Amino acid sequence: MDDFFGSQLTVRQRKRIEAACVDMWEPFRLSIEQWSPQCKIACDRFHIMQHANDAVDEVRRAEFFRQGPKKPKKRGQGLPAEVDRSTEMAAAEAVGEAG
């Protein structure tokens, strides 16, 4: 990118650059700051979301390892092991009436 700024653009052209949307790769930012310091830098949404998702994943993993493995629930905790047949029939009828 330095080659482009140095050989393809005049000083006047570089001074007139107001904004640029670039990848978040640091050499791009550094090159723009060097050759066109007044230029505002915008990063594309894809890369911003990618960094945000990576940060969330990092926190999630750290929290998982900090807490350690979860113990299995004992019977009677959480969802019932078996669904009552009458409840199952009532749910099926309700779905049939809605359709």
C-alpha atoms as a PDB file:
ATOM      1  CA  MET A   1       0.000   0.000   0.000  1.00  0.00           C
ATOM      2  CA  ASP A   2       2.954   2.286   0.660  1.00  0.00           C
ATOM      3  CA  ASP A   3       4.032   1.743  -2.946  1.00  0.00           C
ATOM      4  CA  PHE A   4       0.582   2.825  -4.183  1.00  0.00           C
ATOM      5  CA  PHE A   5       0.528   5.982  -2.062  1.00  0.00           C
ATOM      6  CA  GLY A   6       4.099   6.877  -3.030  1.00  0.00           C
ATOM      7  CA  SER A   7       3.968   6.148  -6.760  1.00  0.00           C
ATOM      8  CA  GLN A   8       0.341   6.457  -7.856  1.00  0.00           C
ATOM      9  CA  LEU A   9      -0.940   9.465  -5.891  1.00  0.00           C
ATOM     10  CA  THR A  10       0.356  13.006  -5.820  1.00  0.00           C
ATOM     11  CA  VAL A  11       0.752  14.926  -2.569  1.00  0.00           C
ATOM     12  CA  ARG A  12      -2.331  16.953  -3.503  1.00  0.00           C
ATOM     13  CA  GLN A  13      -4.398  13.794  -4.074  1.00  0.00           C
ATOM     14  CA  ARG A  14      -3.261  12.287  -0.769  1.00  0.00           C
ATOM     15  CA  LYS A  15      -4.231  15.487   1.070  1.00  0.00           C
ATOM     16  CA  ARG A  16      -7.744  15.339  -0.421  1.00  0.00           C
ATOM     17  CA  ILE A  17      -8.511  11.826   0.860  1.00  0.00           C
ATOM     18  CA  GLU A  18     -11.184  12.288   3.520  1.00  0.00           C
ATOM     19  CA  ALA A  19     -12.069   8.703   4.455  1.00  0.00           C
ATOM     20  CA  ALA A  20     -11.140   5.135   3.619  1.00  0.00           C
ATOM     21  CA  CYS A  21     -12.804   1.828   4.439  1.00  0.00           C
ATOM     22  CA  VAL A  22     -10.194  -0.872   4.892  1.00  0.00           C
ATOM     23  CA  ASP A  23      -9.585  -4.277   6.393  1.00  0.00           C
ATOM     24  CA  MET A  24      -8.528  -4.165  10.058  1.00  0.00           C
ATOM     25  CA  TRP A  25      -5.002  -5.319   9.202  1.00  0.00           C
ATOM     26  CA  GLU A  26      -2.614  -2.972  11.040  1.00  0.00           C
ATOM     27  CA  PRO A  27      -0.250  -2.305   8.078  1.00  0.00           C
ATOM     28  CA  PHE A  28      -3.197  -0.816   6.137  1.00  0.00           C
ATOM     29  CA  ARG A  29      -3.971   1.563   8.993  1.00  0.00           C
ATOM     30  CA  LEU A  30      -0.324   2.514   9.477  1.00  0.00           C
ATOM     31  CA  SER A  31       0.157   3.200   5.775  1.00  0.00           C
ATOM     32  CA  ILE A  32      -2.889   5.451   5.597  1.00  0.00           C
ATOM     33  CA  GLU A  33      -1.833   7.306   8.750  1.00  0.00           C
ATOM     34  CA  GLN A  34       1.633   7.846   7.275  1.00  0.00           C
ATOM     35  CA  TRP A  35       0.640   8.948   3.770  1.00  0.00           C
ATOM     36  CA  SER A  36      -2.697  10.643   4.443  1.00  0.00           C
ATOM     37  CA  PRO A  37      -2.862  11.549   8.159  1.00  0.00           C
ATOM     38  CA  GLN A  38      -6.085  13.582   7.878  1.00  0.00           C
ATOM     39  CA  CYS A  39      -7.952  10.558   6.473  1.00  0.00           C
ATOM     40  CA  LYS A  40     -10.652   9.030   8.677  1.00  0.00           C
ATOM     41  CA  ILE A  41     -10.444   5.230   8.734  1.00  0.00           C
ATOM     42  CA  ALA A  42     -13.558   3.082   8.728  1.00  0.00           C
ATOM     43  CA  CYS A  43     -13.467  -0.683   9.111  1.00  0.00           C
ATOM     44  CA  ASP A  44     -15.894  -2.952   7.311  1.00  0.00           C
ATOM     45  CA  ARG A  45     -18.730  -4.482   9.314  1.00  0.00           C
ATOM     46  CA  PHE A  46     -17.688  -8.072   8.555  1.00  0.00           C
ATOM     47  CA  HIS A  47     -14.329  -7.685  10.299  1.00  0.00           C
ATOM     48  CA  ILE A  48     -15.787  -5.765  13.239  1.00  0.00           C
ATOM     49  CA  MET A  49     -18.326  -8.563  13.811  1.00  0.00           C
ATOM     50  CA  GLN A  50     -15.610 -11.180  13.401  1.00  0.00           C
ATOM     51  CA  HIS A  51     -13.519  -9.523  16.137  1.00  0.00           C
ATOM     52  CA  ALA A  52     -16.563  -9.167  18.404  1.00  0.00           C
ATOM     53  CA  ASN A  53     -17.477 -12.852  17.938  1.00  0.00           C
ATOM     54  CA  ASP A  54     -13.878 -13.903  18.600  1.00  0.00           C
ATOM     55  CA  ALA A  55     -13.896 -11.884  21.830  1.00  0.00           C
ATOM     56  CA  VAL A  56     -17.187 -13.448  22.956  1.00  0.00           C
ATOM     57  CA  ASP A  57     -15.843 -16.941  22.178  1.00  0.00           C
ATOM     58  CA  GLU A  58     -12.668 -16.221  24.142  1.00  0.00           C
ATOM     59  CA  VAL A  59     -14.666 -15.130  27.198  1.00  0.00           C
ATOM     60  CA  ARG A  60     -17.017 -18.114  26.846  1.00  0.00           C
ATOM     61  CA  ARG A  61     -14.111 -20.563  26.717  1.00  0.00           C
ATOM     62  CA  ALA A  62     -12.339 -18.941  29.659  1.00  0.00           C
ATOM     63  CA  GLU A  63     -15.552 -19.063  31.699  1.00  0.00           C
ATOM     64  CA  PHE A  64     -16.114 -22.724  30.773  1.00  0.00           C
ATOM     65  CA  PHE A  65     -12.628 -23.720  31.939  1.00  0.00           C
ATOM     66  CA  ARG A  66     -12.855 -21.534  35.042  1.00  0.00           C
ATOM     67  CA  GLN A  67     -16.062 -23.274  36.150  1.00  0.00           C
ATOM     68  CA  GLY A  68     -14.836 -26.778  35.376  1.00  0.00           C
ATOM     69  CA  PRO A  69     -16.956 -29.659  34.095  1.00  0.00           C
ATOM     70  CA  LYS A  70     -20.600 -29.639  35.095  1.00  0.00           C
ATOM     71  CA  LYS A  71     -21.921 -32.482  37.216  1.00  0.00           C
ATOM     72  CA  PRO A  72     -24.769 -34.480  35.668  1.00  0.00           C
ATOM     73  CA  LYS A  73     -28.209 -33.706  37.059  1.00  0.00           C
ATOM     74  CA  LYS A  74     -29.850 -36.263  39.296  1.00  0.00           C
ATOM     75  CA  ARG A  75     -33.111 -37.803  38.218  1.00  0.00           C
ATOM     76  CA  GLY A  76     -35.966 -35.503  39.110  1.00  0.00           C
ATOM     77  CA  GLN A  77     -34.020 -32.334  38.341  1.00  0.00           C
ATOM     78  CA  GLY A  78     -34.534 -30.455  35.120  1.00  0.00           C
ATOM     79  CA  LEU A  79     -36.800 -32.052  32.517  1.00  0.00           C
ATOM     80  CA  PRO A  80     -38.893 -35.062  33.511  1.00  0.00           C
ATOM     81  CA  ALA A  81     -37.571 -38.431  32.386  1.00  0.00           C
ATOM     82  CA  GLU A  82     -40.957 -39.449  30.971  1.00  0.00           C
ATOM     83  CA  VAL A  83     -43.845 -37.379  29.672  1.00  0.00           C
ATOM     84  CA  ASP A  84     -47.291 -38.315  30.899  1.00  0.00           C
ATOM     85  CA  ARG A  85     -49.256 -39.870  27.986  1.00  0.00           C
ATOM     86  CA  SER A  86     -52.312 -37.664  28.675  1.00  0.00           C
ATOM     87  CA  THR A  87     -50.150 -34.533  28.451  1.00  0.00           C
ATOM     88  CA  GLU A  88     -48.723 -35.784  25.175  1.00  0.00           C
ATOM     89  CA  MET A  89     -52.235 -36.421  23.784  1.00  0.00           C
ATOM     90  CA  ALA A  90     -53.463 -32.980  24.878  1.00  0.00           C
ATOM     91  CA  ALA A  91     -50.494 -31.327  23.157  1.00  0.00           C
ATOM     92  CA  ALA A  92     -51.160 -33.253  19.939  1.00  0.00           C
ATOM     93  CA  GLU A  93     -54.850 -32.243  20.002  1.00  0.00           C
ATOM     94  CA  ALA A  94     -53.949 -28.585  20.598  1.00  0.00           C
ATOM     95  CA  VAL A  95     -51.620 -28.627  17.617  1.00  0.00           C
ATOM     96  CA  GLY A  96     -54.318 -30.263  15.487  1.00  0.00           C
ATOM     97  CA  GLU A  97     -56.865 -27.593  16.500  1.00  0.00           C
ATOM     98  CA  ALA A  98     -54.427 -24.788  15.686  1.00  0.00           C
ATOM     99  CA  GLY A  99     -53.682 -26.188  12.217  1.00  0.00           C
END
